[in-house]
Amino acid sequence: MLPDIRQNDYLFKVPLFDIQKDDIDNFLDELLGFHQNFEDCFHRPESRGHFFRYMVGQFSDLERKSIALNGQNGKVRAMQRFISEAEWDDEKICQRYRGMVGEDLGSPEGAIIFDETGFPKKGSHSIGVAKQYCGTIGKVDNCQVGVFAAYVSPYGYALIDKEIYIPKKWFGEDYEERRQKCRLPEGMEFQTKPQLASGMLIKIVQEGTVPFKYVLADSVYGENPEFIETVESLVGVTYFVSVASDTLCWLQQPVVTEKQYKNRGKKKTKKILAPGEKPPVSVKELGKRINNYFWYRRTVSE
């Protein structure tokens, strides 16, 4: 018999954020209630107030959200100082928010998705700005890149963590002045995108606020041994990741032997396939060999 998912042409209905203004009464009161969940994450009452006005500004209909820093009856300079200089417990905010996501959307069948996206930047006064691939515009350009963790379950979806990717050249001597001007924290070291994702995953697991069974990512992470090793260390977690079609693999662990050889007069050893063992095949070739019964097509993006 065919699996039910194929028999019924099952399509998972993705929940949509289709709330309209008229659907919510007393929206500002609701937003204030949400804001109060994070009151103890700020050191000063003035910062808490600025934070609320900033949220109000983000919900405004202004085309440029940076203008929304002013908000209603706000003071631009005070808001700018709040964004750039005021201290708040960012990790505590994120952890509490993930707890709220876990309460509302949590499911043992949940999945965590890792991906990066870019933000075009015209100037050079933001941390991590460089000429690099920007997915939002589909080309290499001056931008910031962030690595994001999202959570999805049958009850909905939400972003749950983020890390800014700082290109390696930012840690060189040529960028010392810019690092100081942008206030890049001292002691920060270069991390690849998979390393950033691995760190977020470990942190989410240690918190235990968001239940999940699956981890999903594209080939940037799927082809990185460190990221795969991190996921494989999690008991009961299955990962679905993209890899290049020419990636070589075996269906069963091959038998290997060691072979000695000389390199520049030094004896060295390397592992080779034992006699009679079949060579690896590409995942593209492997896919062709598998009976169509085991596959069904789904469009995940257009």
C-alpha atoms as a PDB file:
ATOM      1  CA  MET A   1       0.000   0.000   0.000  1.00  0.00           C
ATOM      2  CA  LEU A   2       1.103   3.539  -0.643  1.00  0.00           C
ATOM      3  CA  PRO A   3       1.719   5.756   2.367  1.00  0.00           C
ATOM      4  CA  ASP A   4      -1.289   7.895   3.278  1.00  0.00           C
ATOM      5  CA  ILE A   5       0.731  11.000   2.583  1.00  0.00           C
ATOM      6  CA  ARG A   6       0.902   9.959  -1.089  1.00  0.00           C
ATOM      7  CA  GLN A   7      -2.578   8.467  -1.375  1.00  0.00           C
ATOM      8  CA  ASN A   8      -4.333  11.629  -0.270  1.00  0.00           C
ATOM      9  CA  ASP A   9      -1.920  14.074  -1.881  1.00  0.00           C
ATOM     10  CA  TYR A  10      -1.421  15.483   1.593  1.00  0.00           C
ATOM     11  CA  LEU A  11      -0.277  19.082   1.786  1.00  0.00           C
ATOM     12  CA  PHE A  12       0.793  20.520   5.123  1.00  0.00           C
ATOM     13  CA  LYS A  13      -1.160  23.720   5.664  1.00  0.00           C
ATOM     14  CA  VAL A  14       1.283  26.378   6.756  1.00  0.00           C
ATOM     15  CA  PRO A  15      -0.248  28.739   9.349  1.00  0.00           C
ATOM     16  CA  LEU A  16      -0.344  32.286   8.050  1.00  0.00           C
ATOM     17  CA  PHE A  17       0.092  35.514   9.966  1.00  0.00           C
ATOM     18  CA  ASP A  18      -3.044  37.041   8.448  1.00  0.00           C
ATOM     19  CA  ILE A  19      -4.134  39.177  11.411  1.00  0.00           C
ATOM     20  CA  GLN A  20      -5.696  42.477  10.383  1.00  0.00           C
ATOM     21  CA  LYS A  21      -5.915  45.667  12.432  1.00  0.00           C
ATOM     22  CA  ASP A  22      -9.630  45.176  12.935  1.00  0.00           C
ATOM     23  CA  ASP A  23      -9.038  41.710  14.443  1.00  0.00           C
ATOM     24  CA  ILE A  24      -7.473  43.139  17.595  1.00  0.00           C
ATOM     25  CA  ASP A  25      -9.128  45.493  20.060  1.00  0.00           C
ATOM     26  CA  ASN A  26      -6.933  47.723  22.195  1.00  0.00           C
ATOM     27  CA  PHE A  27      -3.788  46.750  20.306  1.00  0.00           C
ATOM     28  CA  LEU A  28      -1.536  49.040  22.333  1.00  0.00           C
ATOM     29  CA  ASP A  29      -2.740  47.424  25.560  1.00  0.00           C
ATOM     30  CA  GLU A  30      -1.889  44.001  24.109  1.00  0.00           C
ATOM     31  CA  LEU A  31       1.549  45.250  23.060  1.00  0.00           C
ATOM     32  CA  LEU A  32       2.137  46.740  26.499  1.00  0.00           C
ATOM     33  CA  GLY A  33       1.255  43.384  28.073  1.00  0.00           C
ATOM     34  CA  PHE A  34       3.794  41.691  25.813  1.00  0.00           C
ATOM     35  CA  HIS A  35       6.389  44.319  26.723  1.00  0.00           C
ATOM     36  CA  GLN A  36       5.893  43.698  30.439  1.00  0.00           C
ATOM     37  CA  ASN A  37       7.241  40.150  30.040  1.00  0.00           C
ATOM     38  CA  PHE A  38      10.702  41.700  29.587  1.00  0.00           C
ATOM     39  CA  GLU A  39      10.626  44.485  32.174  1.00  0.00           C
ATOM     40  CA  ASP A  40      13.410  43.030  34.331  1.00  0.00           C
ATOM     41  CA  CYS A  41      15.717  42.697  31.317  1.00  0.00           C
ATOM     42  CA  PHE A  42      16.476  46.437  31.381  1.00  0.00           C
ATOM     43  CA  HIS A  43      18.675  48.218  33.917  1.00  0.00           C
ATOM     44  CA  ARG A  44      16.788  51.530  33.845  1.00  0.00           C
ATOM     45  CA  PRO A  45      13.097  52.475  33.585  1.00  0.00           C
ATOM     46  CA  GLU A  46      13.951  54.965  30.833  1.00  0.00           C
ATOM     47  CA  SER A  47      15.295  52.107  28.704  1.00  0.00           C
ATOM     48  CA  ARG A  48      12.107  50.100  29.240  1.00  0.00           C
ATOM     49  CA  GLY A  49      10.095  53.081  28.015  1.00  0.00           C
ATOM     50  CA  HIS A  50      12.280  53.548  24.957  1.00  0.00           C
ATOM     51  CA  PHE A  51      11.965  49.852  24.187  1.00  0.00           C
ATOM     52  CA  PHE A  52       8.164  50.102  24.197  1.00  0.00           C
ATOM     53  CA  ARG A  53       8.167  53.210  21.978  1.00  0.00           C
ATOM     54  CA  TYR A  54      10.560  51.461  19.594  1.00  0.00           C
ATOM     55  CA  MET A  55       8.150  48.517  19.285  1.00  0.00           C
ATOM     56  CA  VAL A  56       5.263  50.913  18.620  1.00  0.00           C
ATOM     57  CA  GLY A  57       7.346  52.554  15.901  1.00  0.00           C
ATOM     58  CA  GLN A  58       8.038  49.199  14.245  1.00  0.00           C
ATOM     59  CA  PHE A  59       4.283  48.624  13.938  1.00  0.00           C
ATOM     60  CA  SER A  60       3.754  52.029  12.322  1.00  0.00           C
ATOM     61  CA  ASP A  61       3.025  52.524   8.623  1.00  0.00           C
ATOM     62  CA  LEU A  62       6.174  54.569   8.033  1.00  0.00           C
ATOM     63  CA  GLU A  63       8.097  53.401   4.968  1.00  0.00           C
ATOM     64  CA  ARG A  64      11.493  53.702   6.685  1.00  0.00           C
ATOM     65  CA  LYS A  65      11.408  51.999  10.059  1.00  0.00           C
ATOM     66  CA  SER A  66      14.549  53.822  11.188  1.00  0.00           C
ATOM     67  CA  ILE A  67      12.407  56.962  11.314  1.00  0.00           C
ATOM     68  CA  ALA A  68      10.150  55.044  13.677  1.00  0.00           C
ATOM     69  CA  LEU A  69      12.832  55.452  16.340  1.00  0.00           C
ATOM     70  CA  ASN A  70      11.083  58.724  17.091  1.00  0.00           C
ATOM     71  CA  GLY A  71       7.752  57.020  17.720  1.00  0.00           C
ATOM     72  CA  GLN A  72       4.902  59.024  19.139  1.00  0.00           C
ATOM     73  CA  ASN A  73       6.053  61.893  21.359  1.00  0.00           C
ATOM     74  CA  GLY A  74       9.533  60.362  21.383  1.00  0.00           C
ATOM     75  CA  LYS A  75      12.906  62.086  21.386  1.00  0.00           C
ATOM     76  CA  VAL A  76      15.156  61.095  18.504  1.00  0.00           C
ATOM     77  CA  ARG A  77      18.511  61.530  20.252  1.00  0.00           C
ATOM     78  CA  ALA A  78      17.371  59.712  23.377  1.00  0.00           C
ATOM     79  CA  MET A  79      16.114  56.834  21.234  1.00  0.00           C
ATOM     80  CA  GLN A  80      19.366  56.732  19.270  1.00  0.00           C
ATOM     81  CA  ARG A  81      21.357  56.548  22.513  1.00  0.00           C
ATOM     82  CA  PHE A  82      19.067  53.763  23.703  1.00  0.00           C
ATOM     83  CA  ILE A  83      19.672  51.685  20.565  1.00  0.00           C
ATOM     84  CA  SER A  84      23.434  52.262  20.390  1.00  0.00           C
ATOM     85  CA  GLU A  85      24.562  52.680  24.009  1.00  0.00           C
ATOM     86  CA  ALA A  86      21.982  51.572  26.601  1.00  0.00           C
ATOM     87  CA  GLU A  87      22.582  48.230  28.300  1.00  0.00           C
ATOM     88  CA  TRP A  88      20.003  45.473  28.425  1.00  0.00           C
ATOM     89  CA  ASP A  89      20.187  41.739  28.974  1.00  0.00           C
ATOM     90  CA  ASP A  90      19.847  40.562  25.379  1.00  0.00           C
ATOM     91  CA  GLU A  91      20.381  36.884  26.235  1.00  0.00           C
ATOM     92  CA  LYS A  92      17.726  37.024  28.966  1.00  0.00           C
ATOM     93  CA  ILE A  93      15.263  38.597  26.514  1.00  0.00           C
ATOM     94  CA  CYS A  94      15.908  35.882  23.926  1.00  0.00           C
ATOM     95  CA  GLN A  95      15.688  33.068  26.468  1.00  0.00           C
ATOM     96  CA  ARG A  96      12.385  34.349  27.865  1.00  0.00           C
ATOM     97  CA  TYR A  97      11.033  34.801  24.351  1.00  0.00           C
ATOM     98  CA  ARG A  98      11.973  31.214  23.446  1.00  0.00           C
ATOM     99  CA  GLY A  99      10.113  30.093  26.540  1.00  0.00           C
ATOM    100  CA  MET A 100       7.002  31.893  25.273  1.00  0.00           C
ATOM    101  CA  VAL A 101       7.420  30.265  21.842  1.00  0.00           C
ATOM    102  CA  GLY A 102       7.744  26.864  23.508  1.00  0.00           C
ATOM    103  CA  GLU A 103       4.545  27.420  25.517  1.00  0.00           C
ATOM    104  CA  ASP A 104       2.478  28.570  22.534  1.00  0.00           C
ATOM    105  CA  LEU A 105       3.940  26.559  19.635  1.00  0.00           C
ATOM    106  CA  GLY A 106       5.951  23.777  21.270  1.00  0.00           C
ATOM    107  CA  SER A 107       5.552  20.227  19.949  1.00  0.00           C
ATOM    108  CA  PRO A 108       7.662  17.046  20.266  1.00  0.00           C
ATOM    109  CA  GLU A 109       7.465  16.919  16.457  1.00  0.00           C
ATOM    110  CA  GLY A 110       8.866  20.443  16.101  1.00  0.00           C
ATOM    111  CA  ALA A 111      11.800  21.385  13.882  1.00  0.00           C
ATOM    112  CA  ILE A 112      14.583  23.944  14.092  1.00  0.00           C
ATOM    113  CA  ILE A 113      15.673  25.510  10.808  1.00  0.00           C
ATOM    114  CA  PHE A 114      19.003  27.270  10.243  1.00  0.00           C
ATOM    115  CA  ASP A 115      19.576  29.710   7.421  1.00  0.00           C
ATOM    116  CA  GLU A 116      21.262  33.018   6.751  1.00  0.00           C
ATOM    117  CA  THR A 117      20.065  36.194   5.092  1.00  0.00           C
ATOM    118  CA  GLY A 118      21.605  39.512   4.137  1.00  0.00           C
ATOM    119  CA  PHE A 119      20.743  43.146   4.755  1.00  0.00           C
ATOM    120  CA  PRO A 120      21.968  45.669   2.145  1.00  0.00           C
ATOM    121  CA  LYS A 121      23.980  48.532   3.646  1.00  0.00           C
ATOM    122  CA  LYS A 122      25.166  51.677   1.893  1.00  0.00           C
ATOM    123  CA  GLY A 123      27.703  52.854   4.465  1.00  0.00           C
ATOM    124  CA  SER A 124      30.523  51.255   6.423  1.00  0.00           C
ATOM    125  CA  HIS A 125      29.613  52.136  10.003  1.00  0.00           C
ATOM    126  CA  SER A 126      27.832  48.914  10.963  1.00  0.00           C
ATOM    127  CA  ILE A 127      29.499  45.814  12.388  1.00  0.00           C
ATOM    128  CA  GLY A 128      30.241  43.105   9.819  1.00  0.00           C
ATOM    129  CA  VAL A 129      29.467  45.164   6.728  1.00  0.00           C
ATOM    130  CA  ALA A 130      31.377  43.896   3.699  1.00  0.00           C
ATOM    131  CA  LYS A 131      30.976  42.954   0.071  1.00  0.00           C
ATOM    132  CA  GLN A 132      29.454  39.476   0.326  1.00  0.00           C
ATOM    133  CA  TYR A 133      26.562  37.476  -1.076  1.00  0.00           C
ATOM    134  CA  CYS A 134      23.228  39.002  -0.079  1.00  0.00           C
ATOM    135  CA  GLY A 135      20.345  36.550  -0.496  1.00  0.00           C
ATOM    136  CA  THR A 136      17.659  39.240  -0.304  1.00  0.00           C
ATOM    137  CA  ILE A 137      18.903  40.841  -3.520  1.00  0.00           C
ATOM    138  CA  GLY A 138      20.476  37.712  -5.046  1.00  0.00           C
ATOM    139  CA  LYS A 139      23.976  39.052  -5.668  1.00  0.00           C
ATOM    140  CA  VAL A 140      27.251  40.115  -4.046  1.00  0.00           C
ATOM    141  CA  ASP A 141      26.940  43.590  -2.567  1.00  0.00           C
ATOM    142  CA  ASN A 142      27.735  45.689   0.485  1.00  0.00           C
ATOM    143  CA  CYS A 143      25.678  44.127   3.281  1.00  0.00           C
ATOM    144  CA  GLN A 144      25.457  42.569   6.716  1.00  0.00           C
ATOM    145  CA  VAL A 145      24.704  38.845   7.005  1.00  0.00           C
ATOM    146  CA  GLY A 146      22.941  37.180   9.896  1.00  0.00           C
ATOM    147  CA  VAL A 147      22.503  33.488  10.735  1.00  0.00           C
ATOM    148  CA  PHE A 148      19.030  32.727  12.060  1.00  0.00           C
ATOM    149  CA  ALA A 149      17.333  29.884  13.885  1.00  0.00           C
ATOM    150  CA  ALA A 150      13.608  29.386  13.287  1.00  0.00           C
ATOM    151  CA  TYR A 151      11.155  27.064  15.003  1.00  0.00           C
ATOM    152  CA  VAL A 152       8.244  25.377  13.255  1.00  0.00           C
ATOM    153  CA  SER A 153       5.556  22.997  14.494  1.00  0.00           C
ATOM    154  CA  PRO A 154       1.960  22.096  13.535  1.00  0.00           C
ATOM    155  CA  TYR A 155       0.918  25.113  15.629  1.00  0.00           C
ATOM    156  CA  GLY A 156       2.917  27.797  13.834  1.00  0.00           C
ATOM    157  CA  TYR A 157       6.404  29.162  13.323  1.00  0.00           C
ATOM    158  CA  ALA A 158       8.700  31.858  14.721  1.00  0.00           C
ATOM    159  CA  LEU A 159      12.301  33.069  14.700  1.00  0.00           C
ATOM    160  CA  ILE A 160      13.997  32.066  17.958  1.00  0.00           C
ATOM    161  CA  ASP A 161      17.653  33.135  17.732  1.00  0.00           C
ATOM    162  CA  LYS A 162      20.155  35.083  15.665  1.00  0.00           C
ATOM    163  CA  GLU A 163      23.872  35.777  15.327  1.00  0.00           C
ATOM    164  CA  ILE A 164      25.578  38.309  13.101  1.00  0.00           C
ATOM    165  CA  TYR A 165      28.208  36.876  10.753  1.00  0.00           C
ATOM    166  CA  ILE A 166      31.418  38.910  10.813  1.00  0.00           C
ATOM    167  CA  PRO A 167      33.703  38.278   7.798  1.00  0.00           C
ATOM    168  CA  LYS A 168      37.221  37.108   8.556  1.00  0.00           C
ATOM    169  CA  LYS A 169      38.854  40.255   7.181  1.00  0.00           C
ATOM    170  CA  TRP A 170      37.181  42.239   9.954  1.00  0.00           C
ATOM    171  CA  PHE A 171      39.619  40.657  12.415  1.00  0.00           C
ATOM    172  CA  GLY A 172      42.731  41.816  10.544  1.00  0.00           C
ATOM    173  CA  GLU A 173      44.928  44.821  11.303  1.00  0.00           C
ATOM    174  CA  ASP A 174      43.364  46.812   8.454  1.00  0.00           C
ATOM    175  CA  TYR A 175      40.036  46.828  10.285  1.00  0.00           C
ATOM    176  CA  GLU A 176      41.296  47.725  13.769  1.00  0.00           C
ATOM    177  CA  GLU A 177      40.068  51.327  13.546  1.00  0.00           C
ATOM    178  CA  ARG A 178      36.685  50.250  12.193  1.00  0.00           C
ATOM    179  CA  ARG A 179      36.302  47.609  14.926  1.00  0.00           C
ATOM    180  CA  GLN A 180      36.828  50.284  17.566  1.00  0.00           C
ATOM    181  CA  LYS A 181      34.490  52.728  15.845  1.00  0.00           C
ATOM    182  CA  CYS A 182      31.747  50.102  15.579  1.00  0.00           C
ATOM    183  CA  ARG A 183      32.437  48.904  19.146  1.00  0.00           C
ATOM    184  CA  LEU A 184      33.030  45.296  18.254  1.00  0.00           C
ATOM    185  CA  PRO A 185      33.468  43.527  21.622  1.00  0.00           C
ATOM    186  CA  GLU A 186      37.077  42.746  22.462  1.00  0.00           C
ATOM    187  CA  GLY A 187      38.014  39.088  22.474  1.00  0.00           C
ATOM    188  CA  MET A 188      35.493  38.185  19.773  1.00  0.00           C
ATOM    189  CA  GLU A 189      36.939  35.728  17.265  1.00  0.00           C
ATOM    190  CA  PHE A 190      36.009  34.802  13.724  1.00  0.00           C
ATOM    191  CA  GLN A 191      33.318  32.131  13.395  1.00  0.00           C
ATOM    192  CA  THR A 192      31.951  30.541  10.255  1.00  0.00           C
ATOM    193  CA  LYS A 193      28.203  30.419   9.639  1.00  0.00           C
ATOM    194  CA  PRO A 194      28.024  26.705  10.580  1.00  0.00           C
ATOM    195  CA  GLN A 195      29.928  27.450  13.788  1.00  0.00           C
ATOM    196  CA  LEU A 196      27.434  30.179  14.658  1.00  0.00           C
ATOM    197  CA  ALA A 197      24.551  27.780  13.943  1.00  0.00           C
ATOM    198  CA  SER A 198      26.165  25.049  16.060  1.00  0.00           C
ATOM    199  CA  GLY A 199      26.523  27.448  18.971  1.00  0.00           C
ATOM    200  CA  MET A 200      22.875  28.475  18.764  1.00  0.00           C
ATOM    201  CA  LEU A 201      21.750  24.851  18.561  1.00  0.00           C
ATOM    202  CA  ILE A 202      23.746  23.852  21.650  1.00  0.00           C
ATOM    203  CA  LYS A 203      22.346  26.830  23.567  1.00  0.00           C
ATOM    204  CA  ILE A 204      18.749  25.984  22.607  1.00  0.00           C
ATOM    205  CA  VAL A 205      19.247  22.364  23.662  1.00  0.00           C
ATOM    206  CA  GLN A 206      20.758  23.352  27.002  1.00  0.00           C
ATOM    207  CA  GLU A 207      17.851  25.708  27.742  1.00  0.00           C
ATOM    208  CA  GLY A 208      15.277  23.024  26.996  1.00  0.00           C
ATOM    209  CA  THR A 209      12.525  25.590  26.432  1.00  0.00           C
ATOM    210  CA  VAL A 210      11.704  24.546  22.850  1.00  0.00           C
ATOM    211  CA  PRO A 211      10.973  20.854  22.125  1.00  0.00           C
ATOM    212  CA  PHE A 212      12.047  19.550  18.718  1.00  0.00           C
ATOM    213  CA  LYS A 213      12.766  16.366  16.845  1.00  0.00           C
ATOM    214  CA  TYR A 214      14.247  17.622  13.571  1.00  0.00           C
ATOM    215  CA  VAL A 215      16.966  20.005  12.386  1.00  0.00           C
ATOM    216  CA  LEU A 216      16.855  21.419   8.847  1.00  0.00           C
ATOM    217  CA  ALA A 217      19.477  23.406   6.926  1.00  0.00           C
ATOM    218  CA  ASP A 218      20.829  24.027   3.434  1.00  0.00           C
ATOM    219  CA  SER A 219      24.169  22.888   2.028  1.00  0.00           C
ATOM    220  CA  VAL A 220      26.176  25.643   3.763  1.00  0.00           C
ATOM    221  CA  TYR A 221      25.538  23.691   6.964  1.00  0.00           C
ATOM    222  CA  GLY A 222      24.822  20.229   5.529  1.00  0.00           C
ATOM    223  CA  GLU A 223      28.315  19.948   4.086  1.00  0.00           C
ATOM    224  CA  ASN A 224      30.067  21.202   7.213  1.00  0.00           C
ATOM    225  CA  PRO A 225      31.490  18.368   9.360  1.00  0.00           C
ATOM    226  CA  GLU A 226      31.435  20.434  12.563  1.00  0.00           C
ATOM    227  CA  PHE A 227      27.734  21.266  12.228  1.00  0.00           C
ATOM    228  CA  ILE A 228      26.829  17.668  11.375  1.00  0.00           C
ATOM    229  CA  GLU A 229      28.860  16.408  14.322  1.00  0.00           C
ATOM    230  CA  THR A 230      26.963  18.779  16.622  1.00  0.00           C
ATOM    231  CA  VAL A 231      23.573  17.556  15.397  1.00  0.00           C
ATOM    232  CA  GLU A 232      24.585  13.894  15.516  1.00  0.00           C
ATOM    233  CA  SER A 233      25.561  14.304  19.172  1.00  0.00           C
ATOM    234  CA  LEU A 234      21.887  14.990  20.026  1.00  0.00           C
ATOM    235  CA  VAL A 235      20.068  11.788  20.969  1.00  0.00           C
ATOM    236  CA  GLY A 236      16.712  11.322  19.242  1.00  0.00           C
ATOM    237  CA  VAL A 237      17.202  14.181  16.759  1.00  0.00           C
ATOM    238  CA  THR A 238      16.997  13.619  12.992  1.00  0.00           C
ATOM    239  CA  TYR A 239      18.513  16.097  10.558  1.00  0.00           C
ATOM    240  CA  PHE A 240      17.478  16.883   6.983  1.00  0.00           C
ATOM    241  CA  VAL A 241      20.164  18.906   5.194  1.00  0.00           C
ATOM    242  CA  SER A 242      21.063  19.714   1.612  1.00  0.00           C
ATOM    243  CA  VAL A 243      24.311  18.472   0.082  1.00  0.00           C
ATOM    244  CA  ALA A 244      25.801  18.926  -3.366  1.00  0.00           C
ATOM    245  CA  SER A 245      24.696  16.350  -5.947  1.00  0.00           C
ATOM    246  CA  ASP A 246      28.313  15.221  -6.464  1.00  0.00           C
ATOM    247  CA  THR A 247      28.807  14.382  -2.766  1.00  0.00           C
ATOM    248  CA  LEU A 248      30.233  10.847  -2.489  1.00  0.00           C
ATOM    249  CA  CYS A 249      28.733   8.363  -0.044  1.00  0.00           C
ATOM    250  CA  TRP A 250      28.361   4.692   0.899  1.00  0.00           C
ATOM    251  CA  LEU A 251      25.149   2.936   1.911  1.00  0.00           C
ATOM    252  CA  GLN A 252      27.163   0.811   4.339  1.00  0.00           C
ATOM    253  CA  GLN A 253      30.350   1.497   6.252  1.00  0.00           C
ATOM    254  CA  PRO A 254      33.179   0.306   3.954  1.00  0.00           C
ATOM    255  CA  VAL A 255      36.071  -1.852   5.124  1.00  0.00           C
ATOM    256  CA  VAL A 256      39.335   0.097   5.056  1.00  0.00           C
ATOM    257  CA  THR A 257      42.996  -0.751   5.551  1.00  0.00           C
ATOM    258  CA  GLU A 258      46.062   1.350   6.186  1.00  0.00           C
ATOM    259  CA  LYS A 259      48.721   1.886   3.573  1.00  0.00           C
ATOM    260  CA  GLN A 260      52.192   3.238   4.238  1.00  0.00           C
ATOM    261  CA  TYR A 261      53.891   5.696   1.903  1.00  0.00           C
ATOM    262  CA  LYS A 262      56.741   8.168   1.912  1.00  0.00           C
ATOM    263  CA  ASN A 263      56.390  11.909   1.625  1.00  0.00           C
ATOM    264  CA  ARG A 264      59.587  13.986   1.512  1.00  0.00           C
ATOM    265  CA  GLY A 265      61.482  11.142   3.112  1.00  0.00           C
ATOM    266  CA  LYS A 266      59.024  10.674   5.982  1.00  0.00           C
ATOM    267  CA  LYS A 267      56.928   7.545   6.453  1.00  0.00           C
ATOM    268  CA  LYS A 268      53.191   8.211   6.606  1.00  0.00           C
ATOM    269  CA  THR A 269      50.022   6.134   6.557  1.00  0.00           C
ATOM    270  CA  LYS A 270      46.658   6.663   4.955  1.00  0.00           C
ATOM    271  CA  LYS A 271      43.395   4.757   4.922  1.00  0.00           C
ATOM    272  CA  ILE A 272      42.308   3.088   1.688  1.00  0.00           C
ATOM    273  CA  LEU A 273      39.458   0.802   0.679  1.00  0.00           C
ATOM    274  CA  ALA A 274      40.085  -2.877   1.344  1.00  0.00           C
ATOM    275  CA  PRO A 275      40.411  -5.108  -1.739  1.00  0.00           C
ATOM    276  CA  GLY A 276      37.004  -5.967  -3.197  1.00  0.00           C
ATOM    277  CA  GLU A 277      35.204  -2.994  -1.610  1.00  0.00           C
ATOM    278  CA  LYS A 278      33.019  -0.991  -3.972  1.00  0.00           C
ATOM    279  CA  PRO A 279      33.906   2.686  -4.508  1.00  0.00           C
ATOM    280  CA  PRO A 280      31.545   5.412  -3.239  1.00  0.00           C
ATOM    281  CA  VAL A 281      28.727   6.787  -5.393  1.00  0.00           C
ATOM    282  CA  SER A 282      27.408  10.317  -5.723  1.00  0.00           C
ATOM    283  CA  VAL A 283      24.109  11.152  -4.053  1.00  0.00           C
ATOM    284  CA  LYS A 284      22.784  12.028  -7.511  1.00  0.00           C
ATOM    285  CA  GLU A 285      23.517   8.501  -8.743  1.00  0.00           C
ATOM    286  CA  LEU A 286      22.132   7.041  -5.528  1.00  0.00           C
ATOM    287  CA  GLY A 287      18.874   8.925  -6.044  1.00  0.00           C
ATOM    288  CA  LYS A 288      18.498   7.480  -9.524  1.00  0.00           C
ATOM    289  CA  ARG A 289      18.869   3.939  -8.191  1.00  0.00           C
ATOM    290  CA  ILE A 290      16.148   4.233  -5.555  1.00  0.00           C
ATOM    291  CA  ASN A 291      12.701   3.028  -6.567  1.00  0.00           C
ATOM    292  CA  ASN A 292      10.172   5.825  -7.115  1.00  0.00           C
ATOM    293  CA  TYR A 293       7.940   4.227  -4.499  1.00  0.00           C
ATOM    294  CA  PHE A 294      10.059   5.847  -1.793  1.00  0.00           C
ATOM    295  CA  TRP A 295       9.785   9.392  -3.173  1.00  0.00           C
ATOM    296  CA  TYR A 296       7.122  12.027  -3.603  1.00  0.00           C
ATOM    297  CA  ARG A 297       7.584  15.594  -4.768  1.00  0.00           C
ATOM    298  CA  ARG A 298       6.718  18.707  -2.778  1.00  0.00           C
ATOM    299  CA  THR A 299       7.341  22.309  -3.775  1.00  0.00           C
ATOM    300  CA  VAL A 300       8.917  24.059  -0.814  1.00  0.00           C
ATOM    301  CA  SER A 301       9.558  27.410  -2.509  1.00  0.00           C
ATOM    302  CA  GLU A 302       8.976  29.098  -5.824  1.00  0.00           C
END
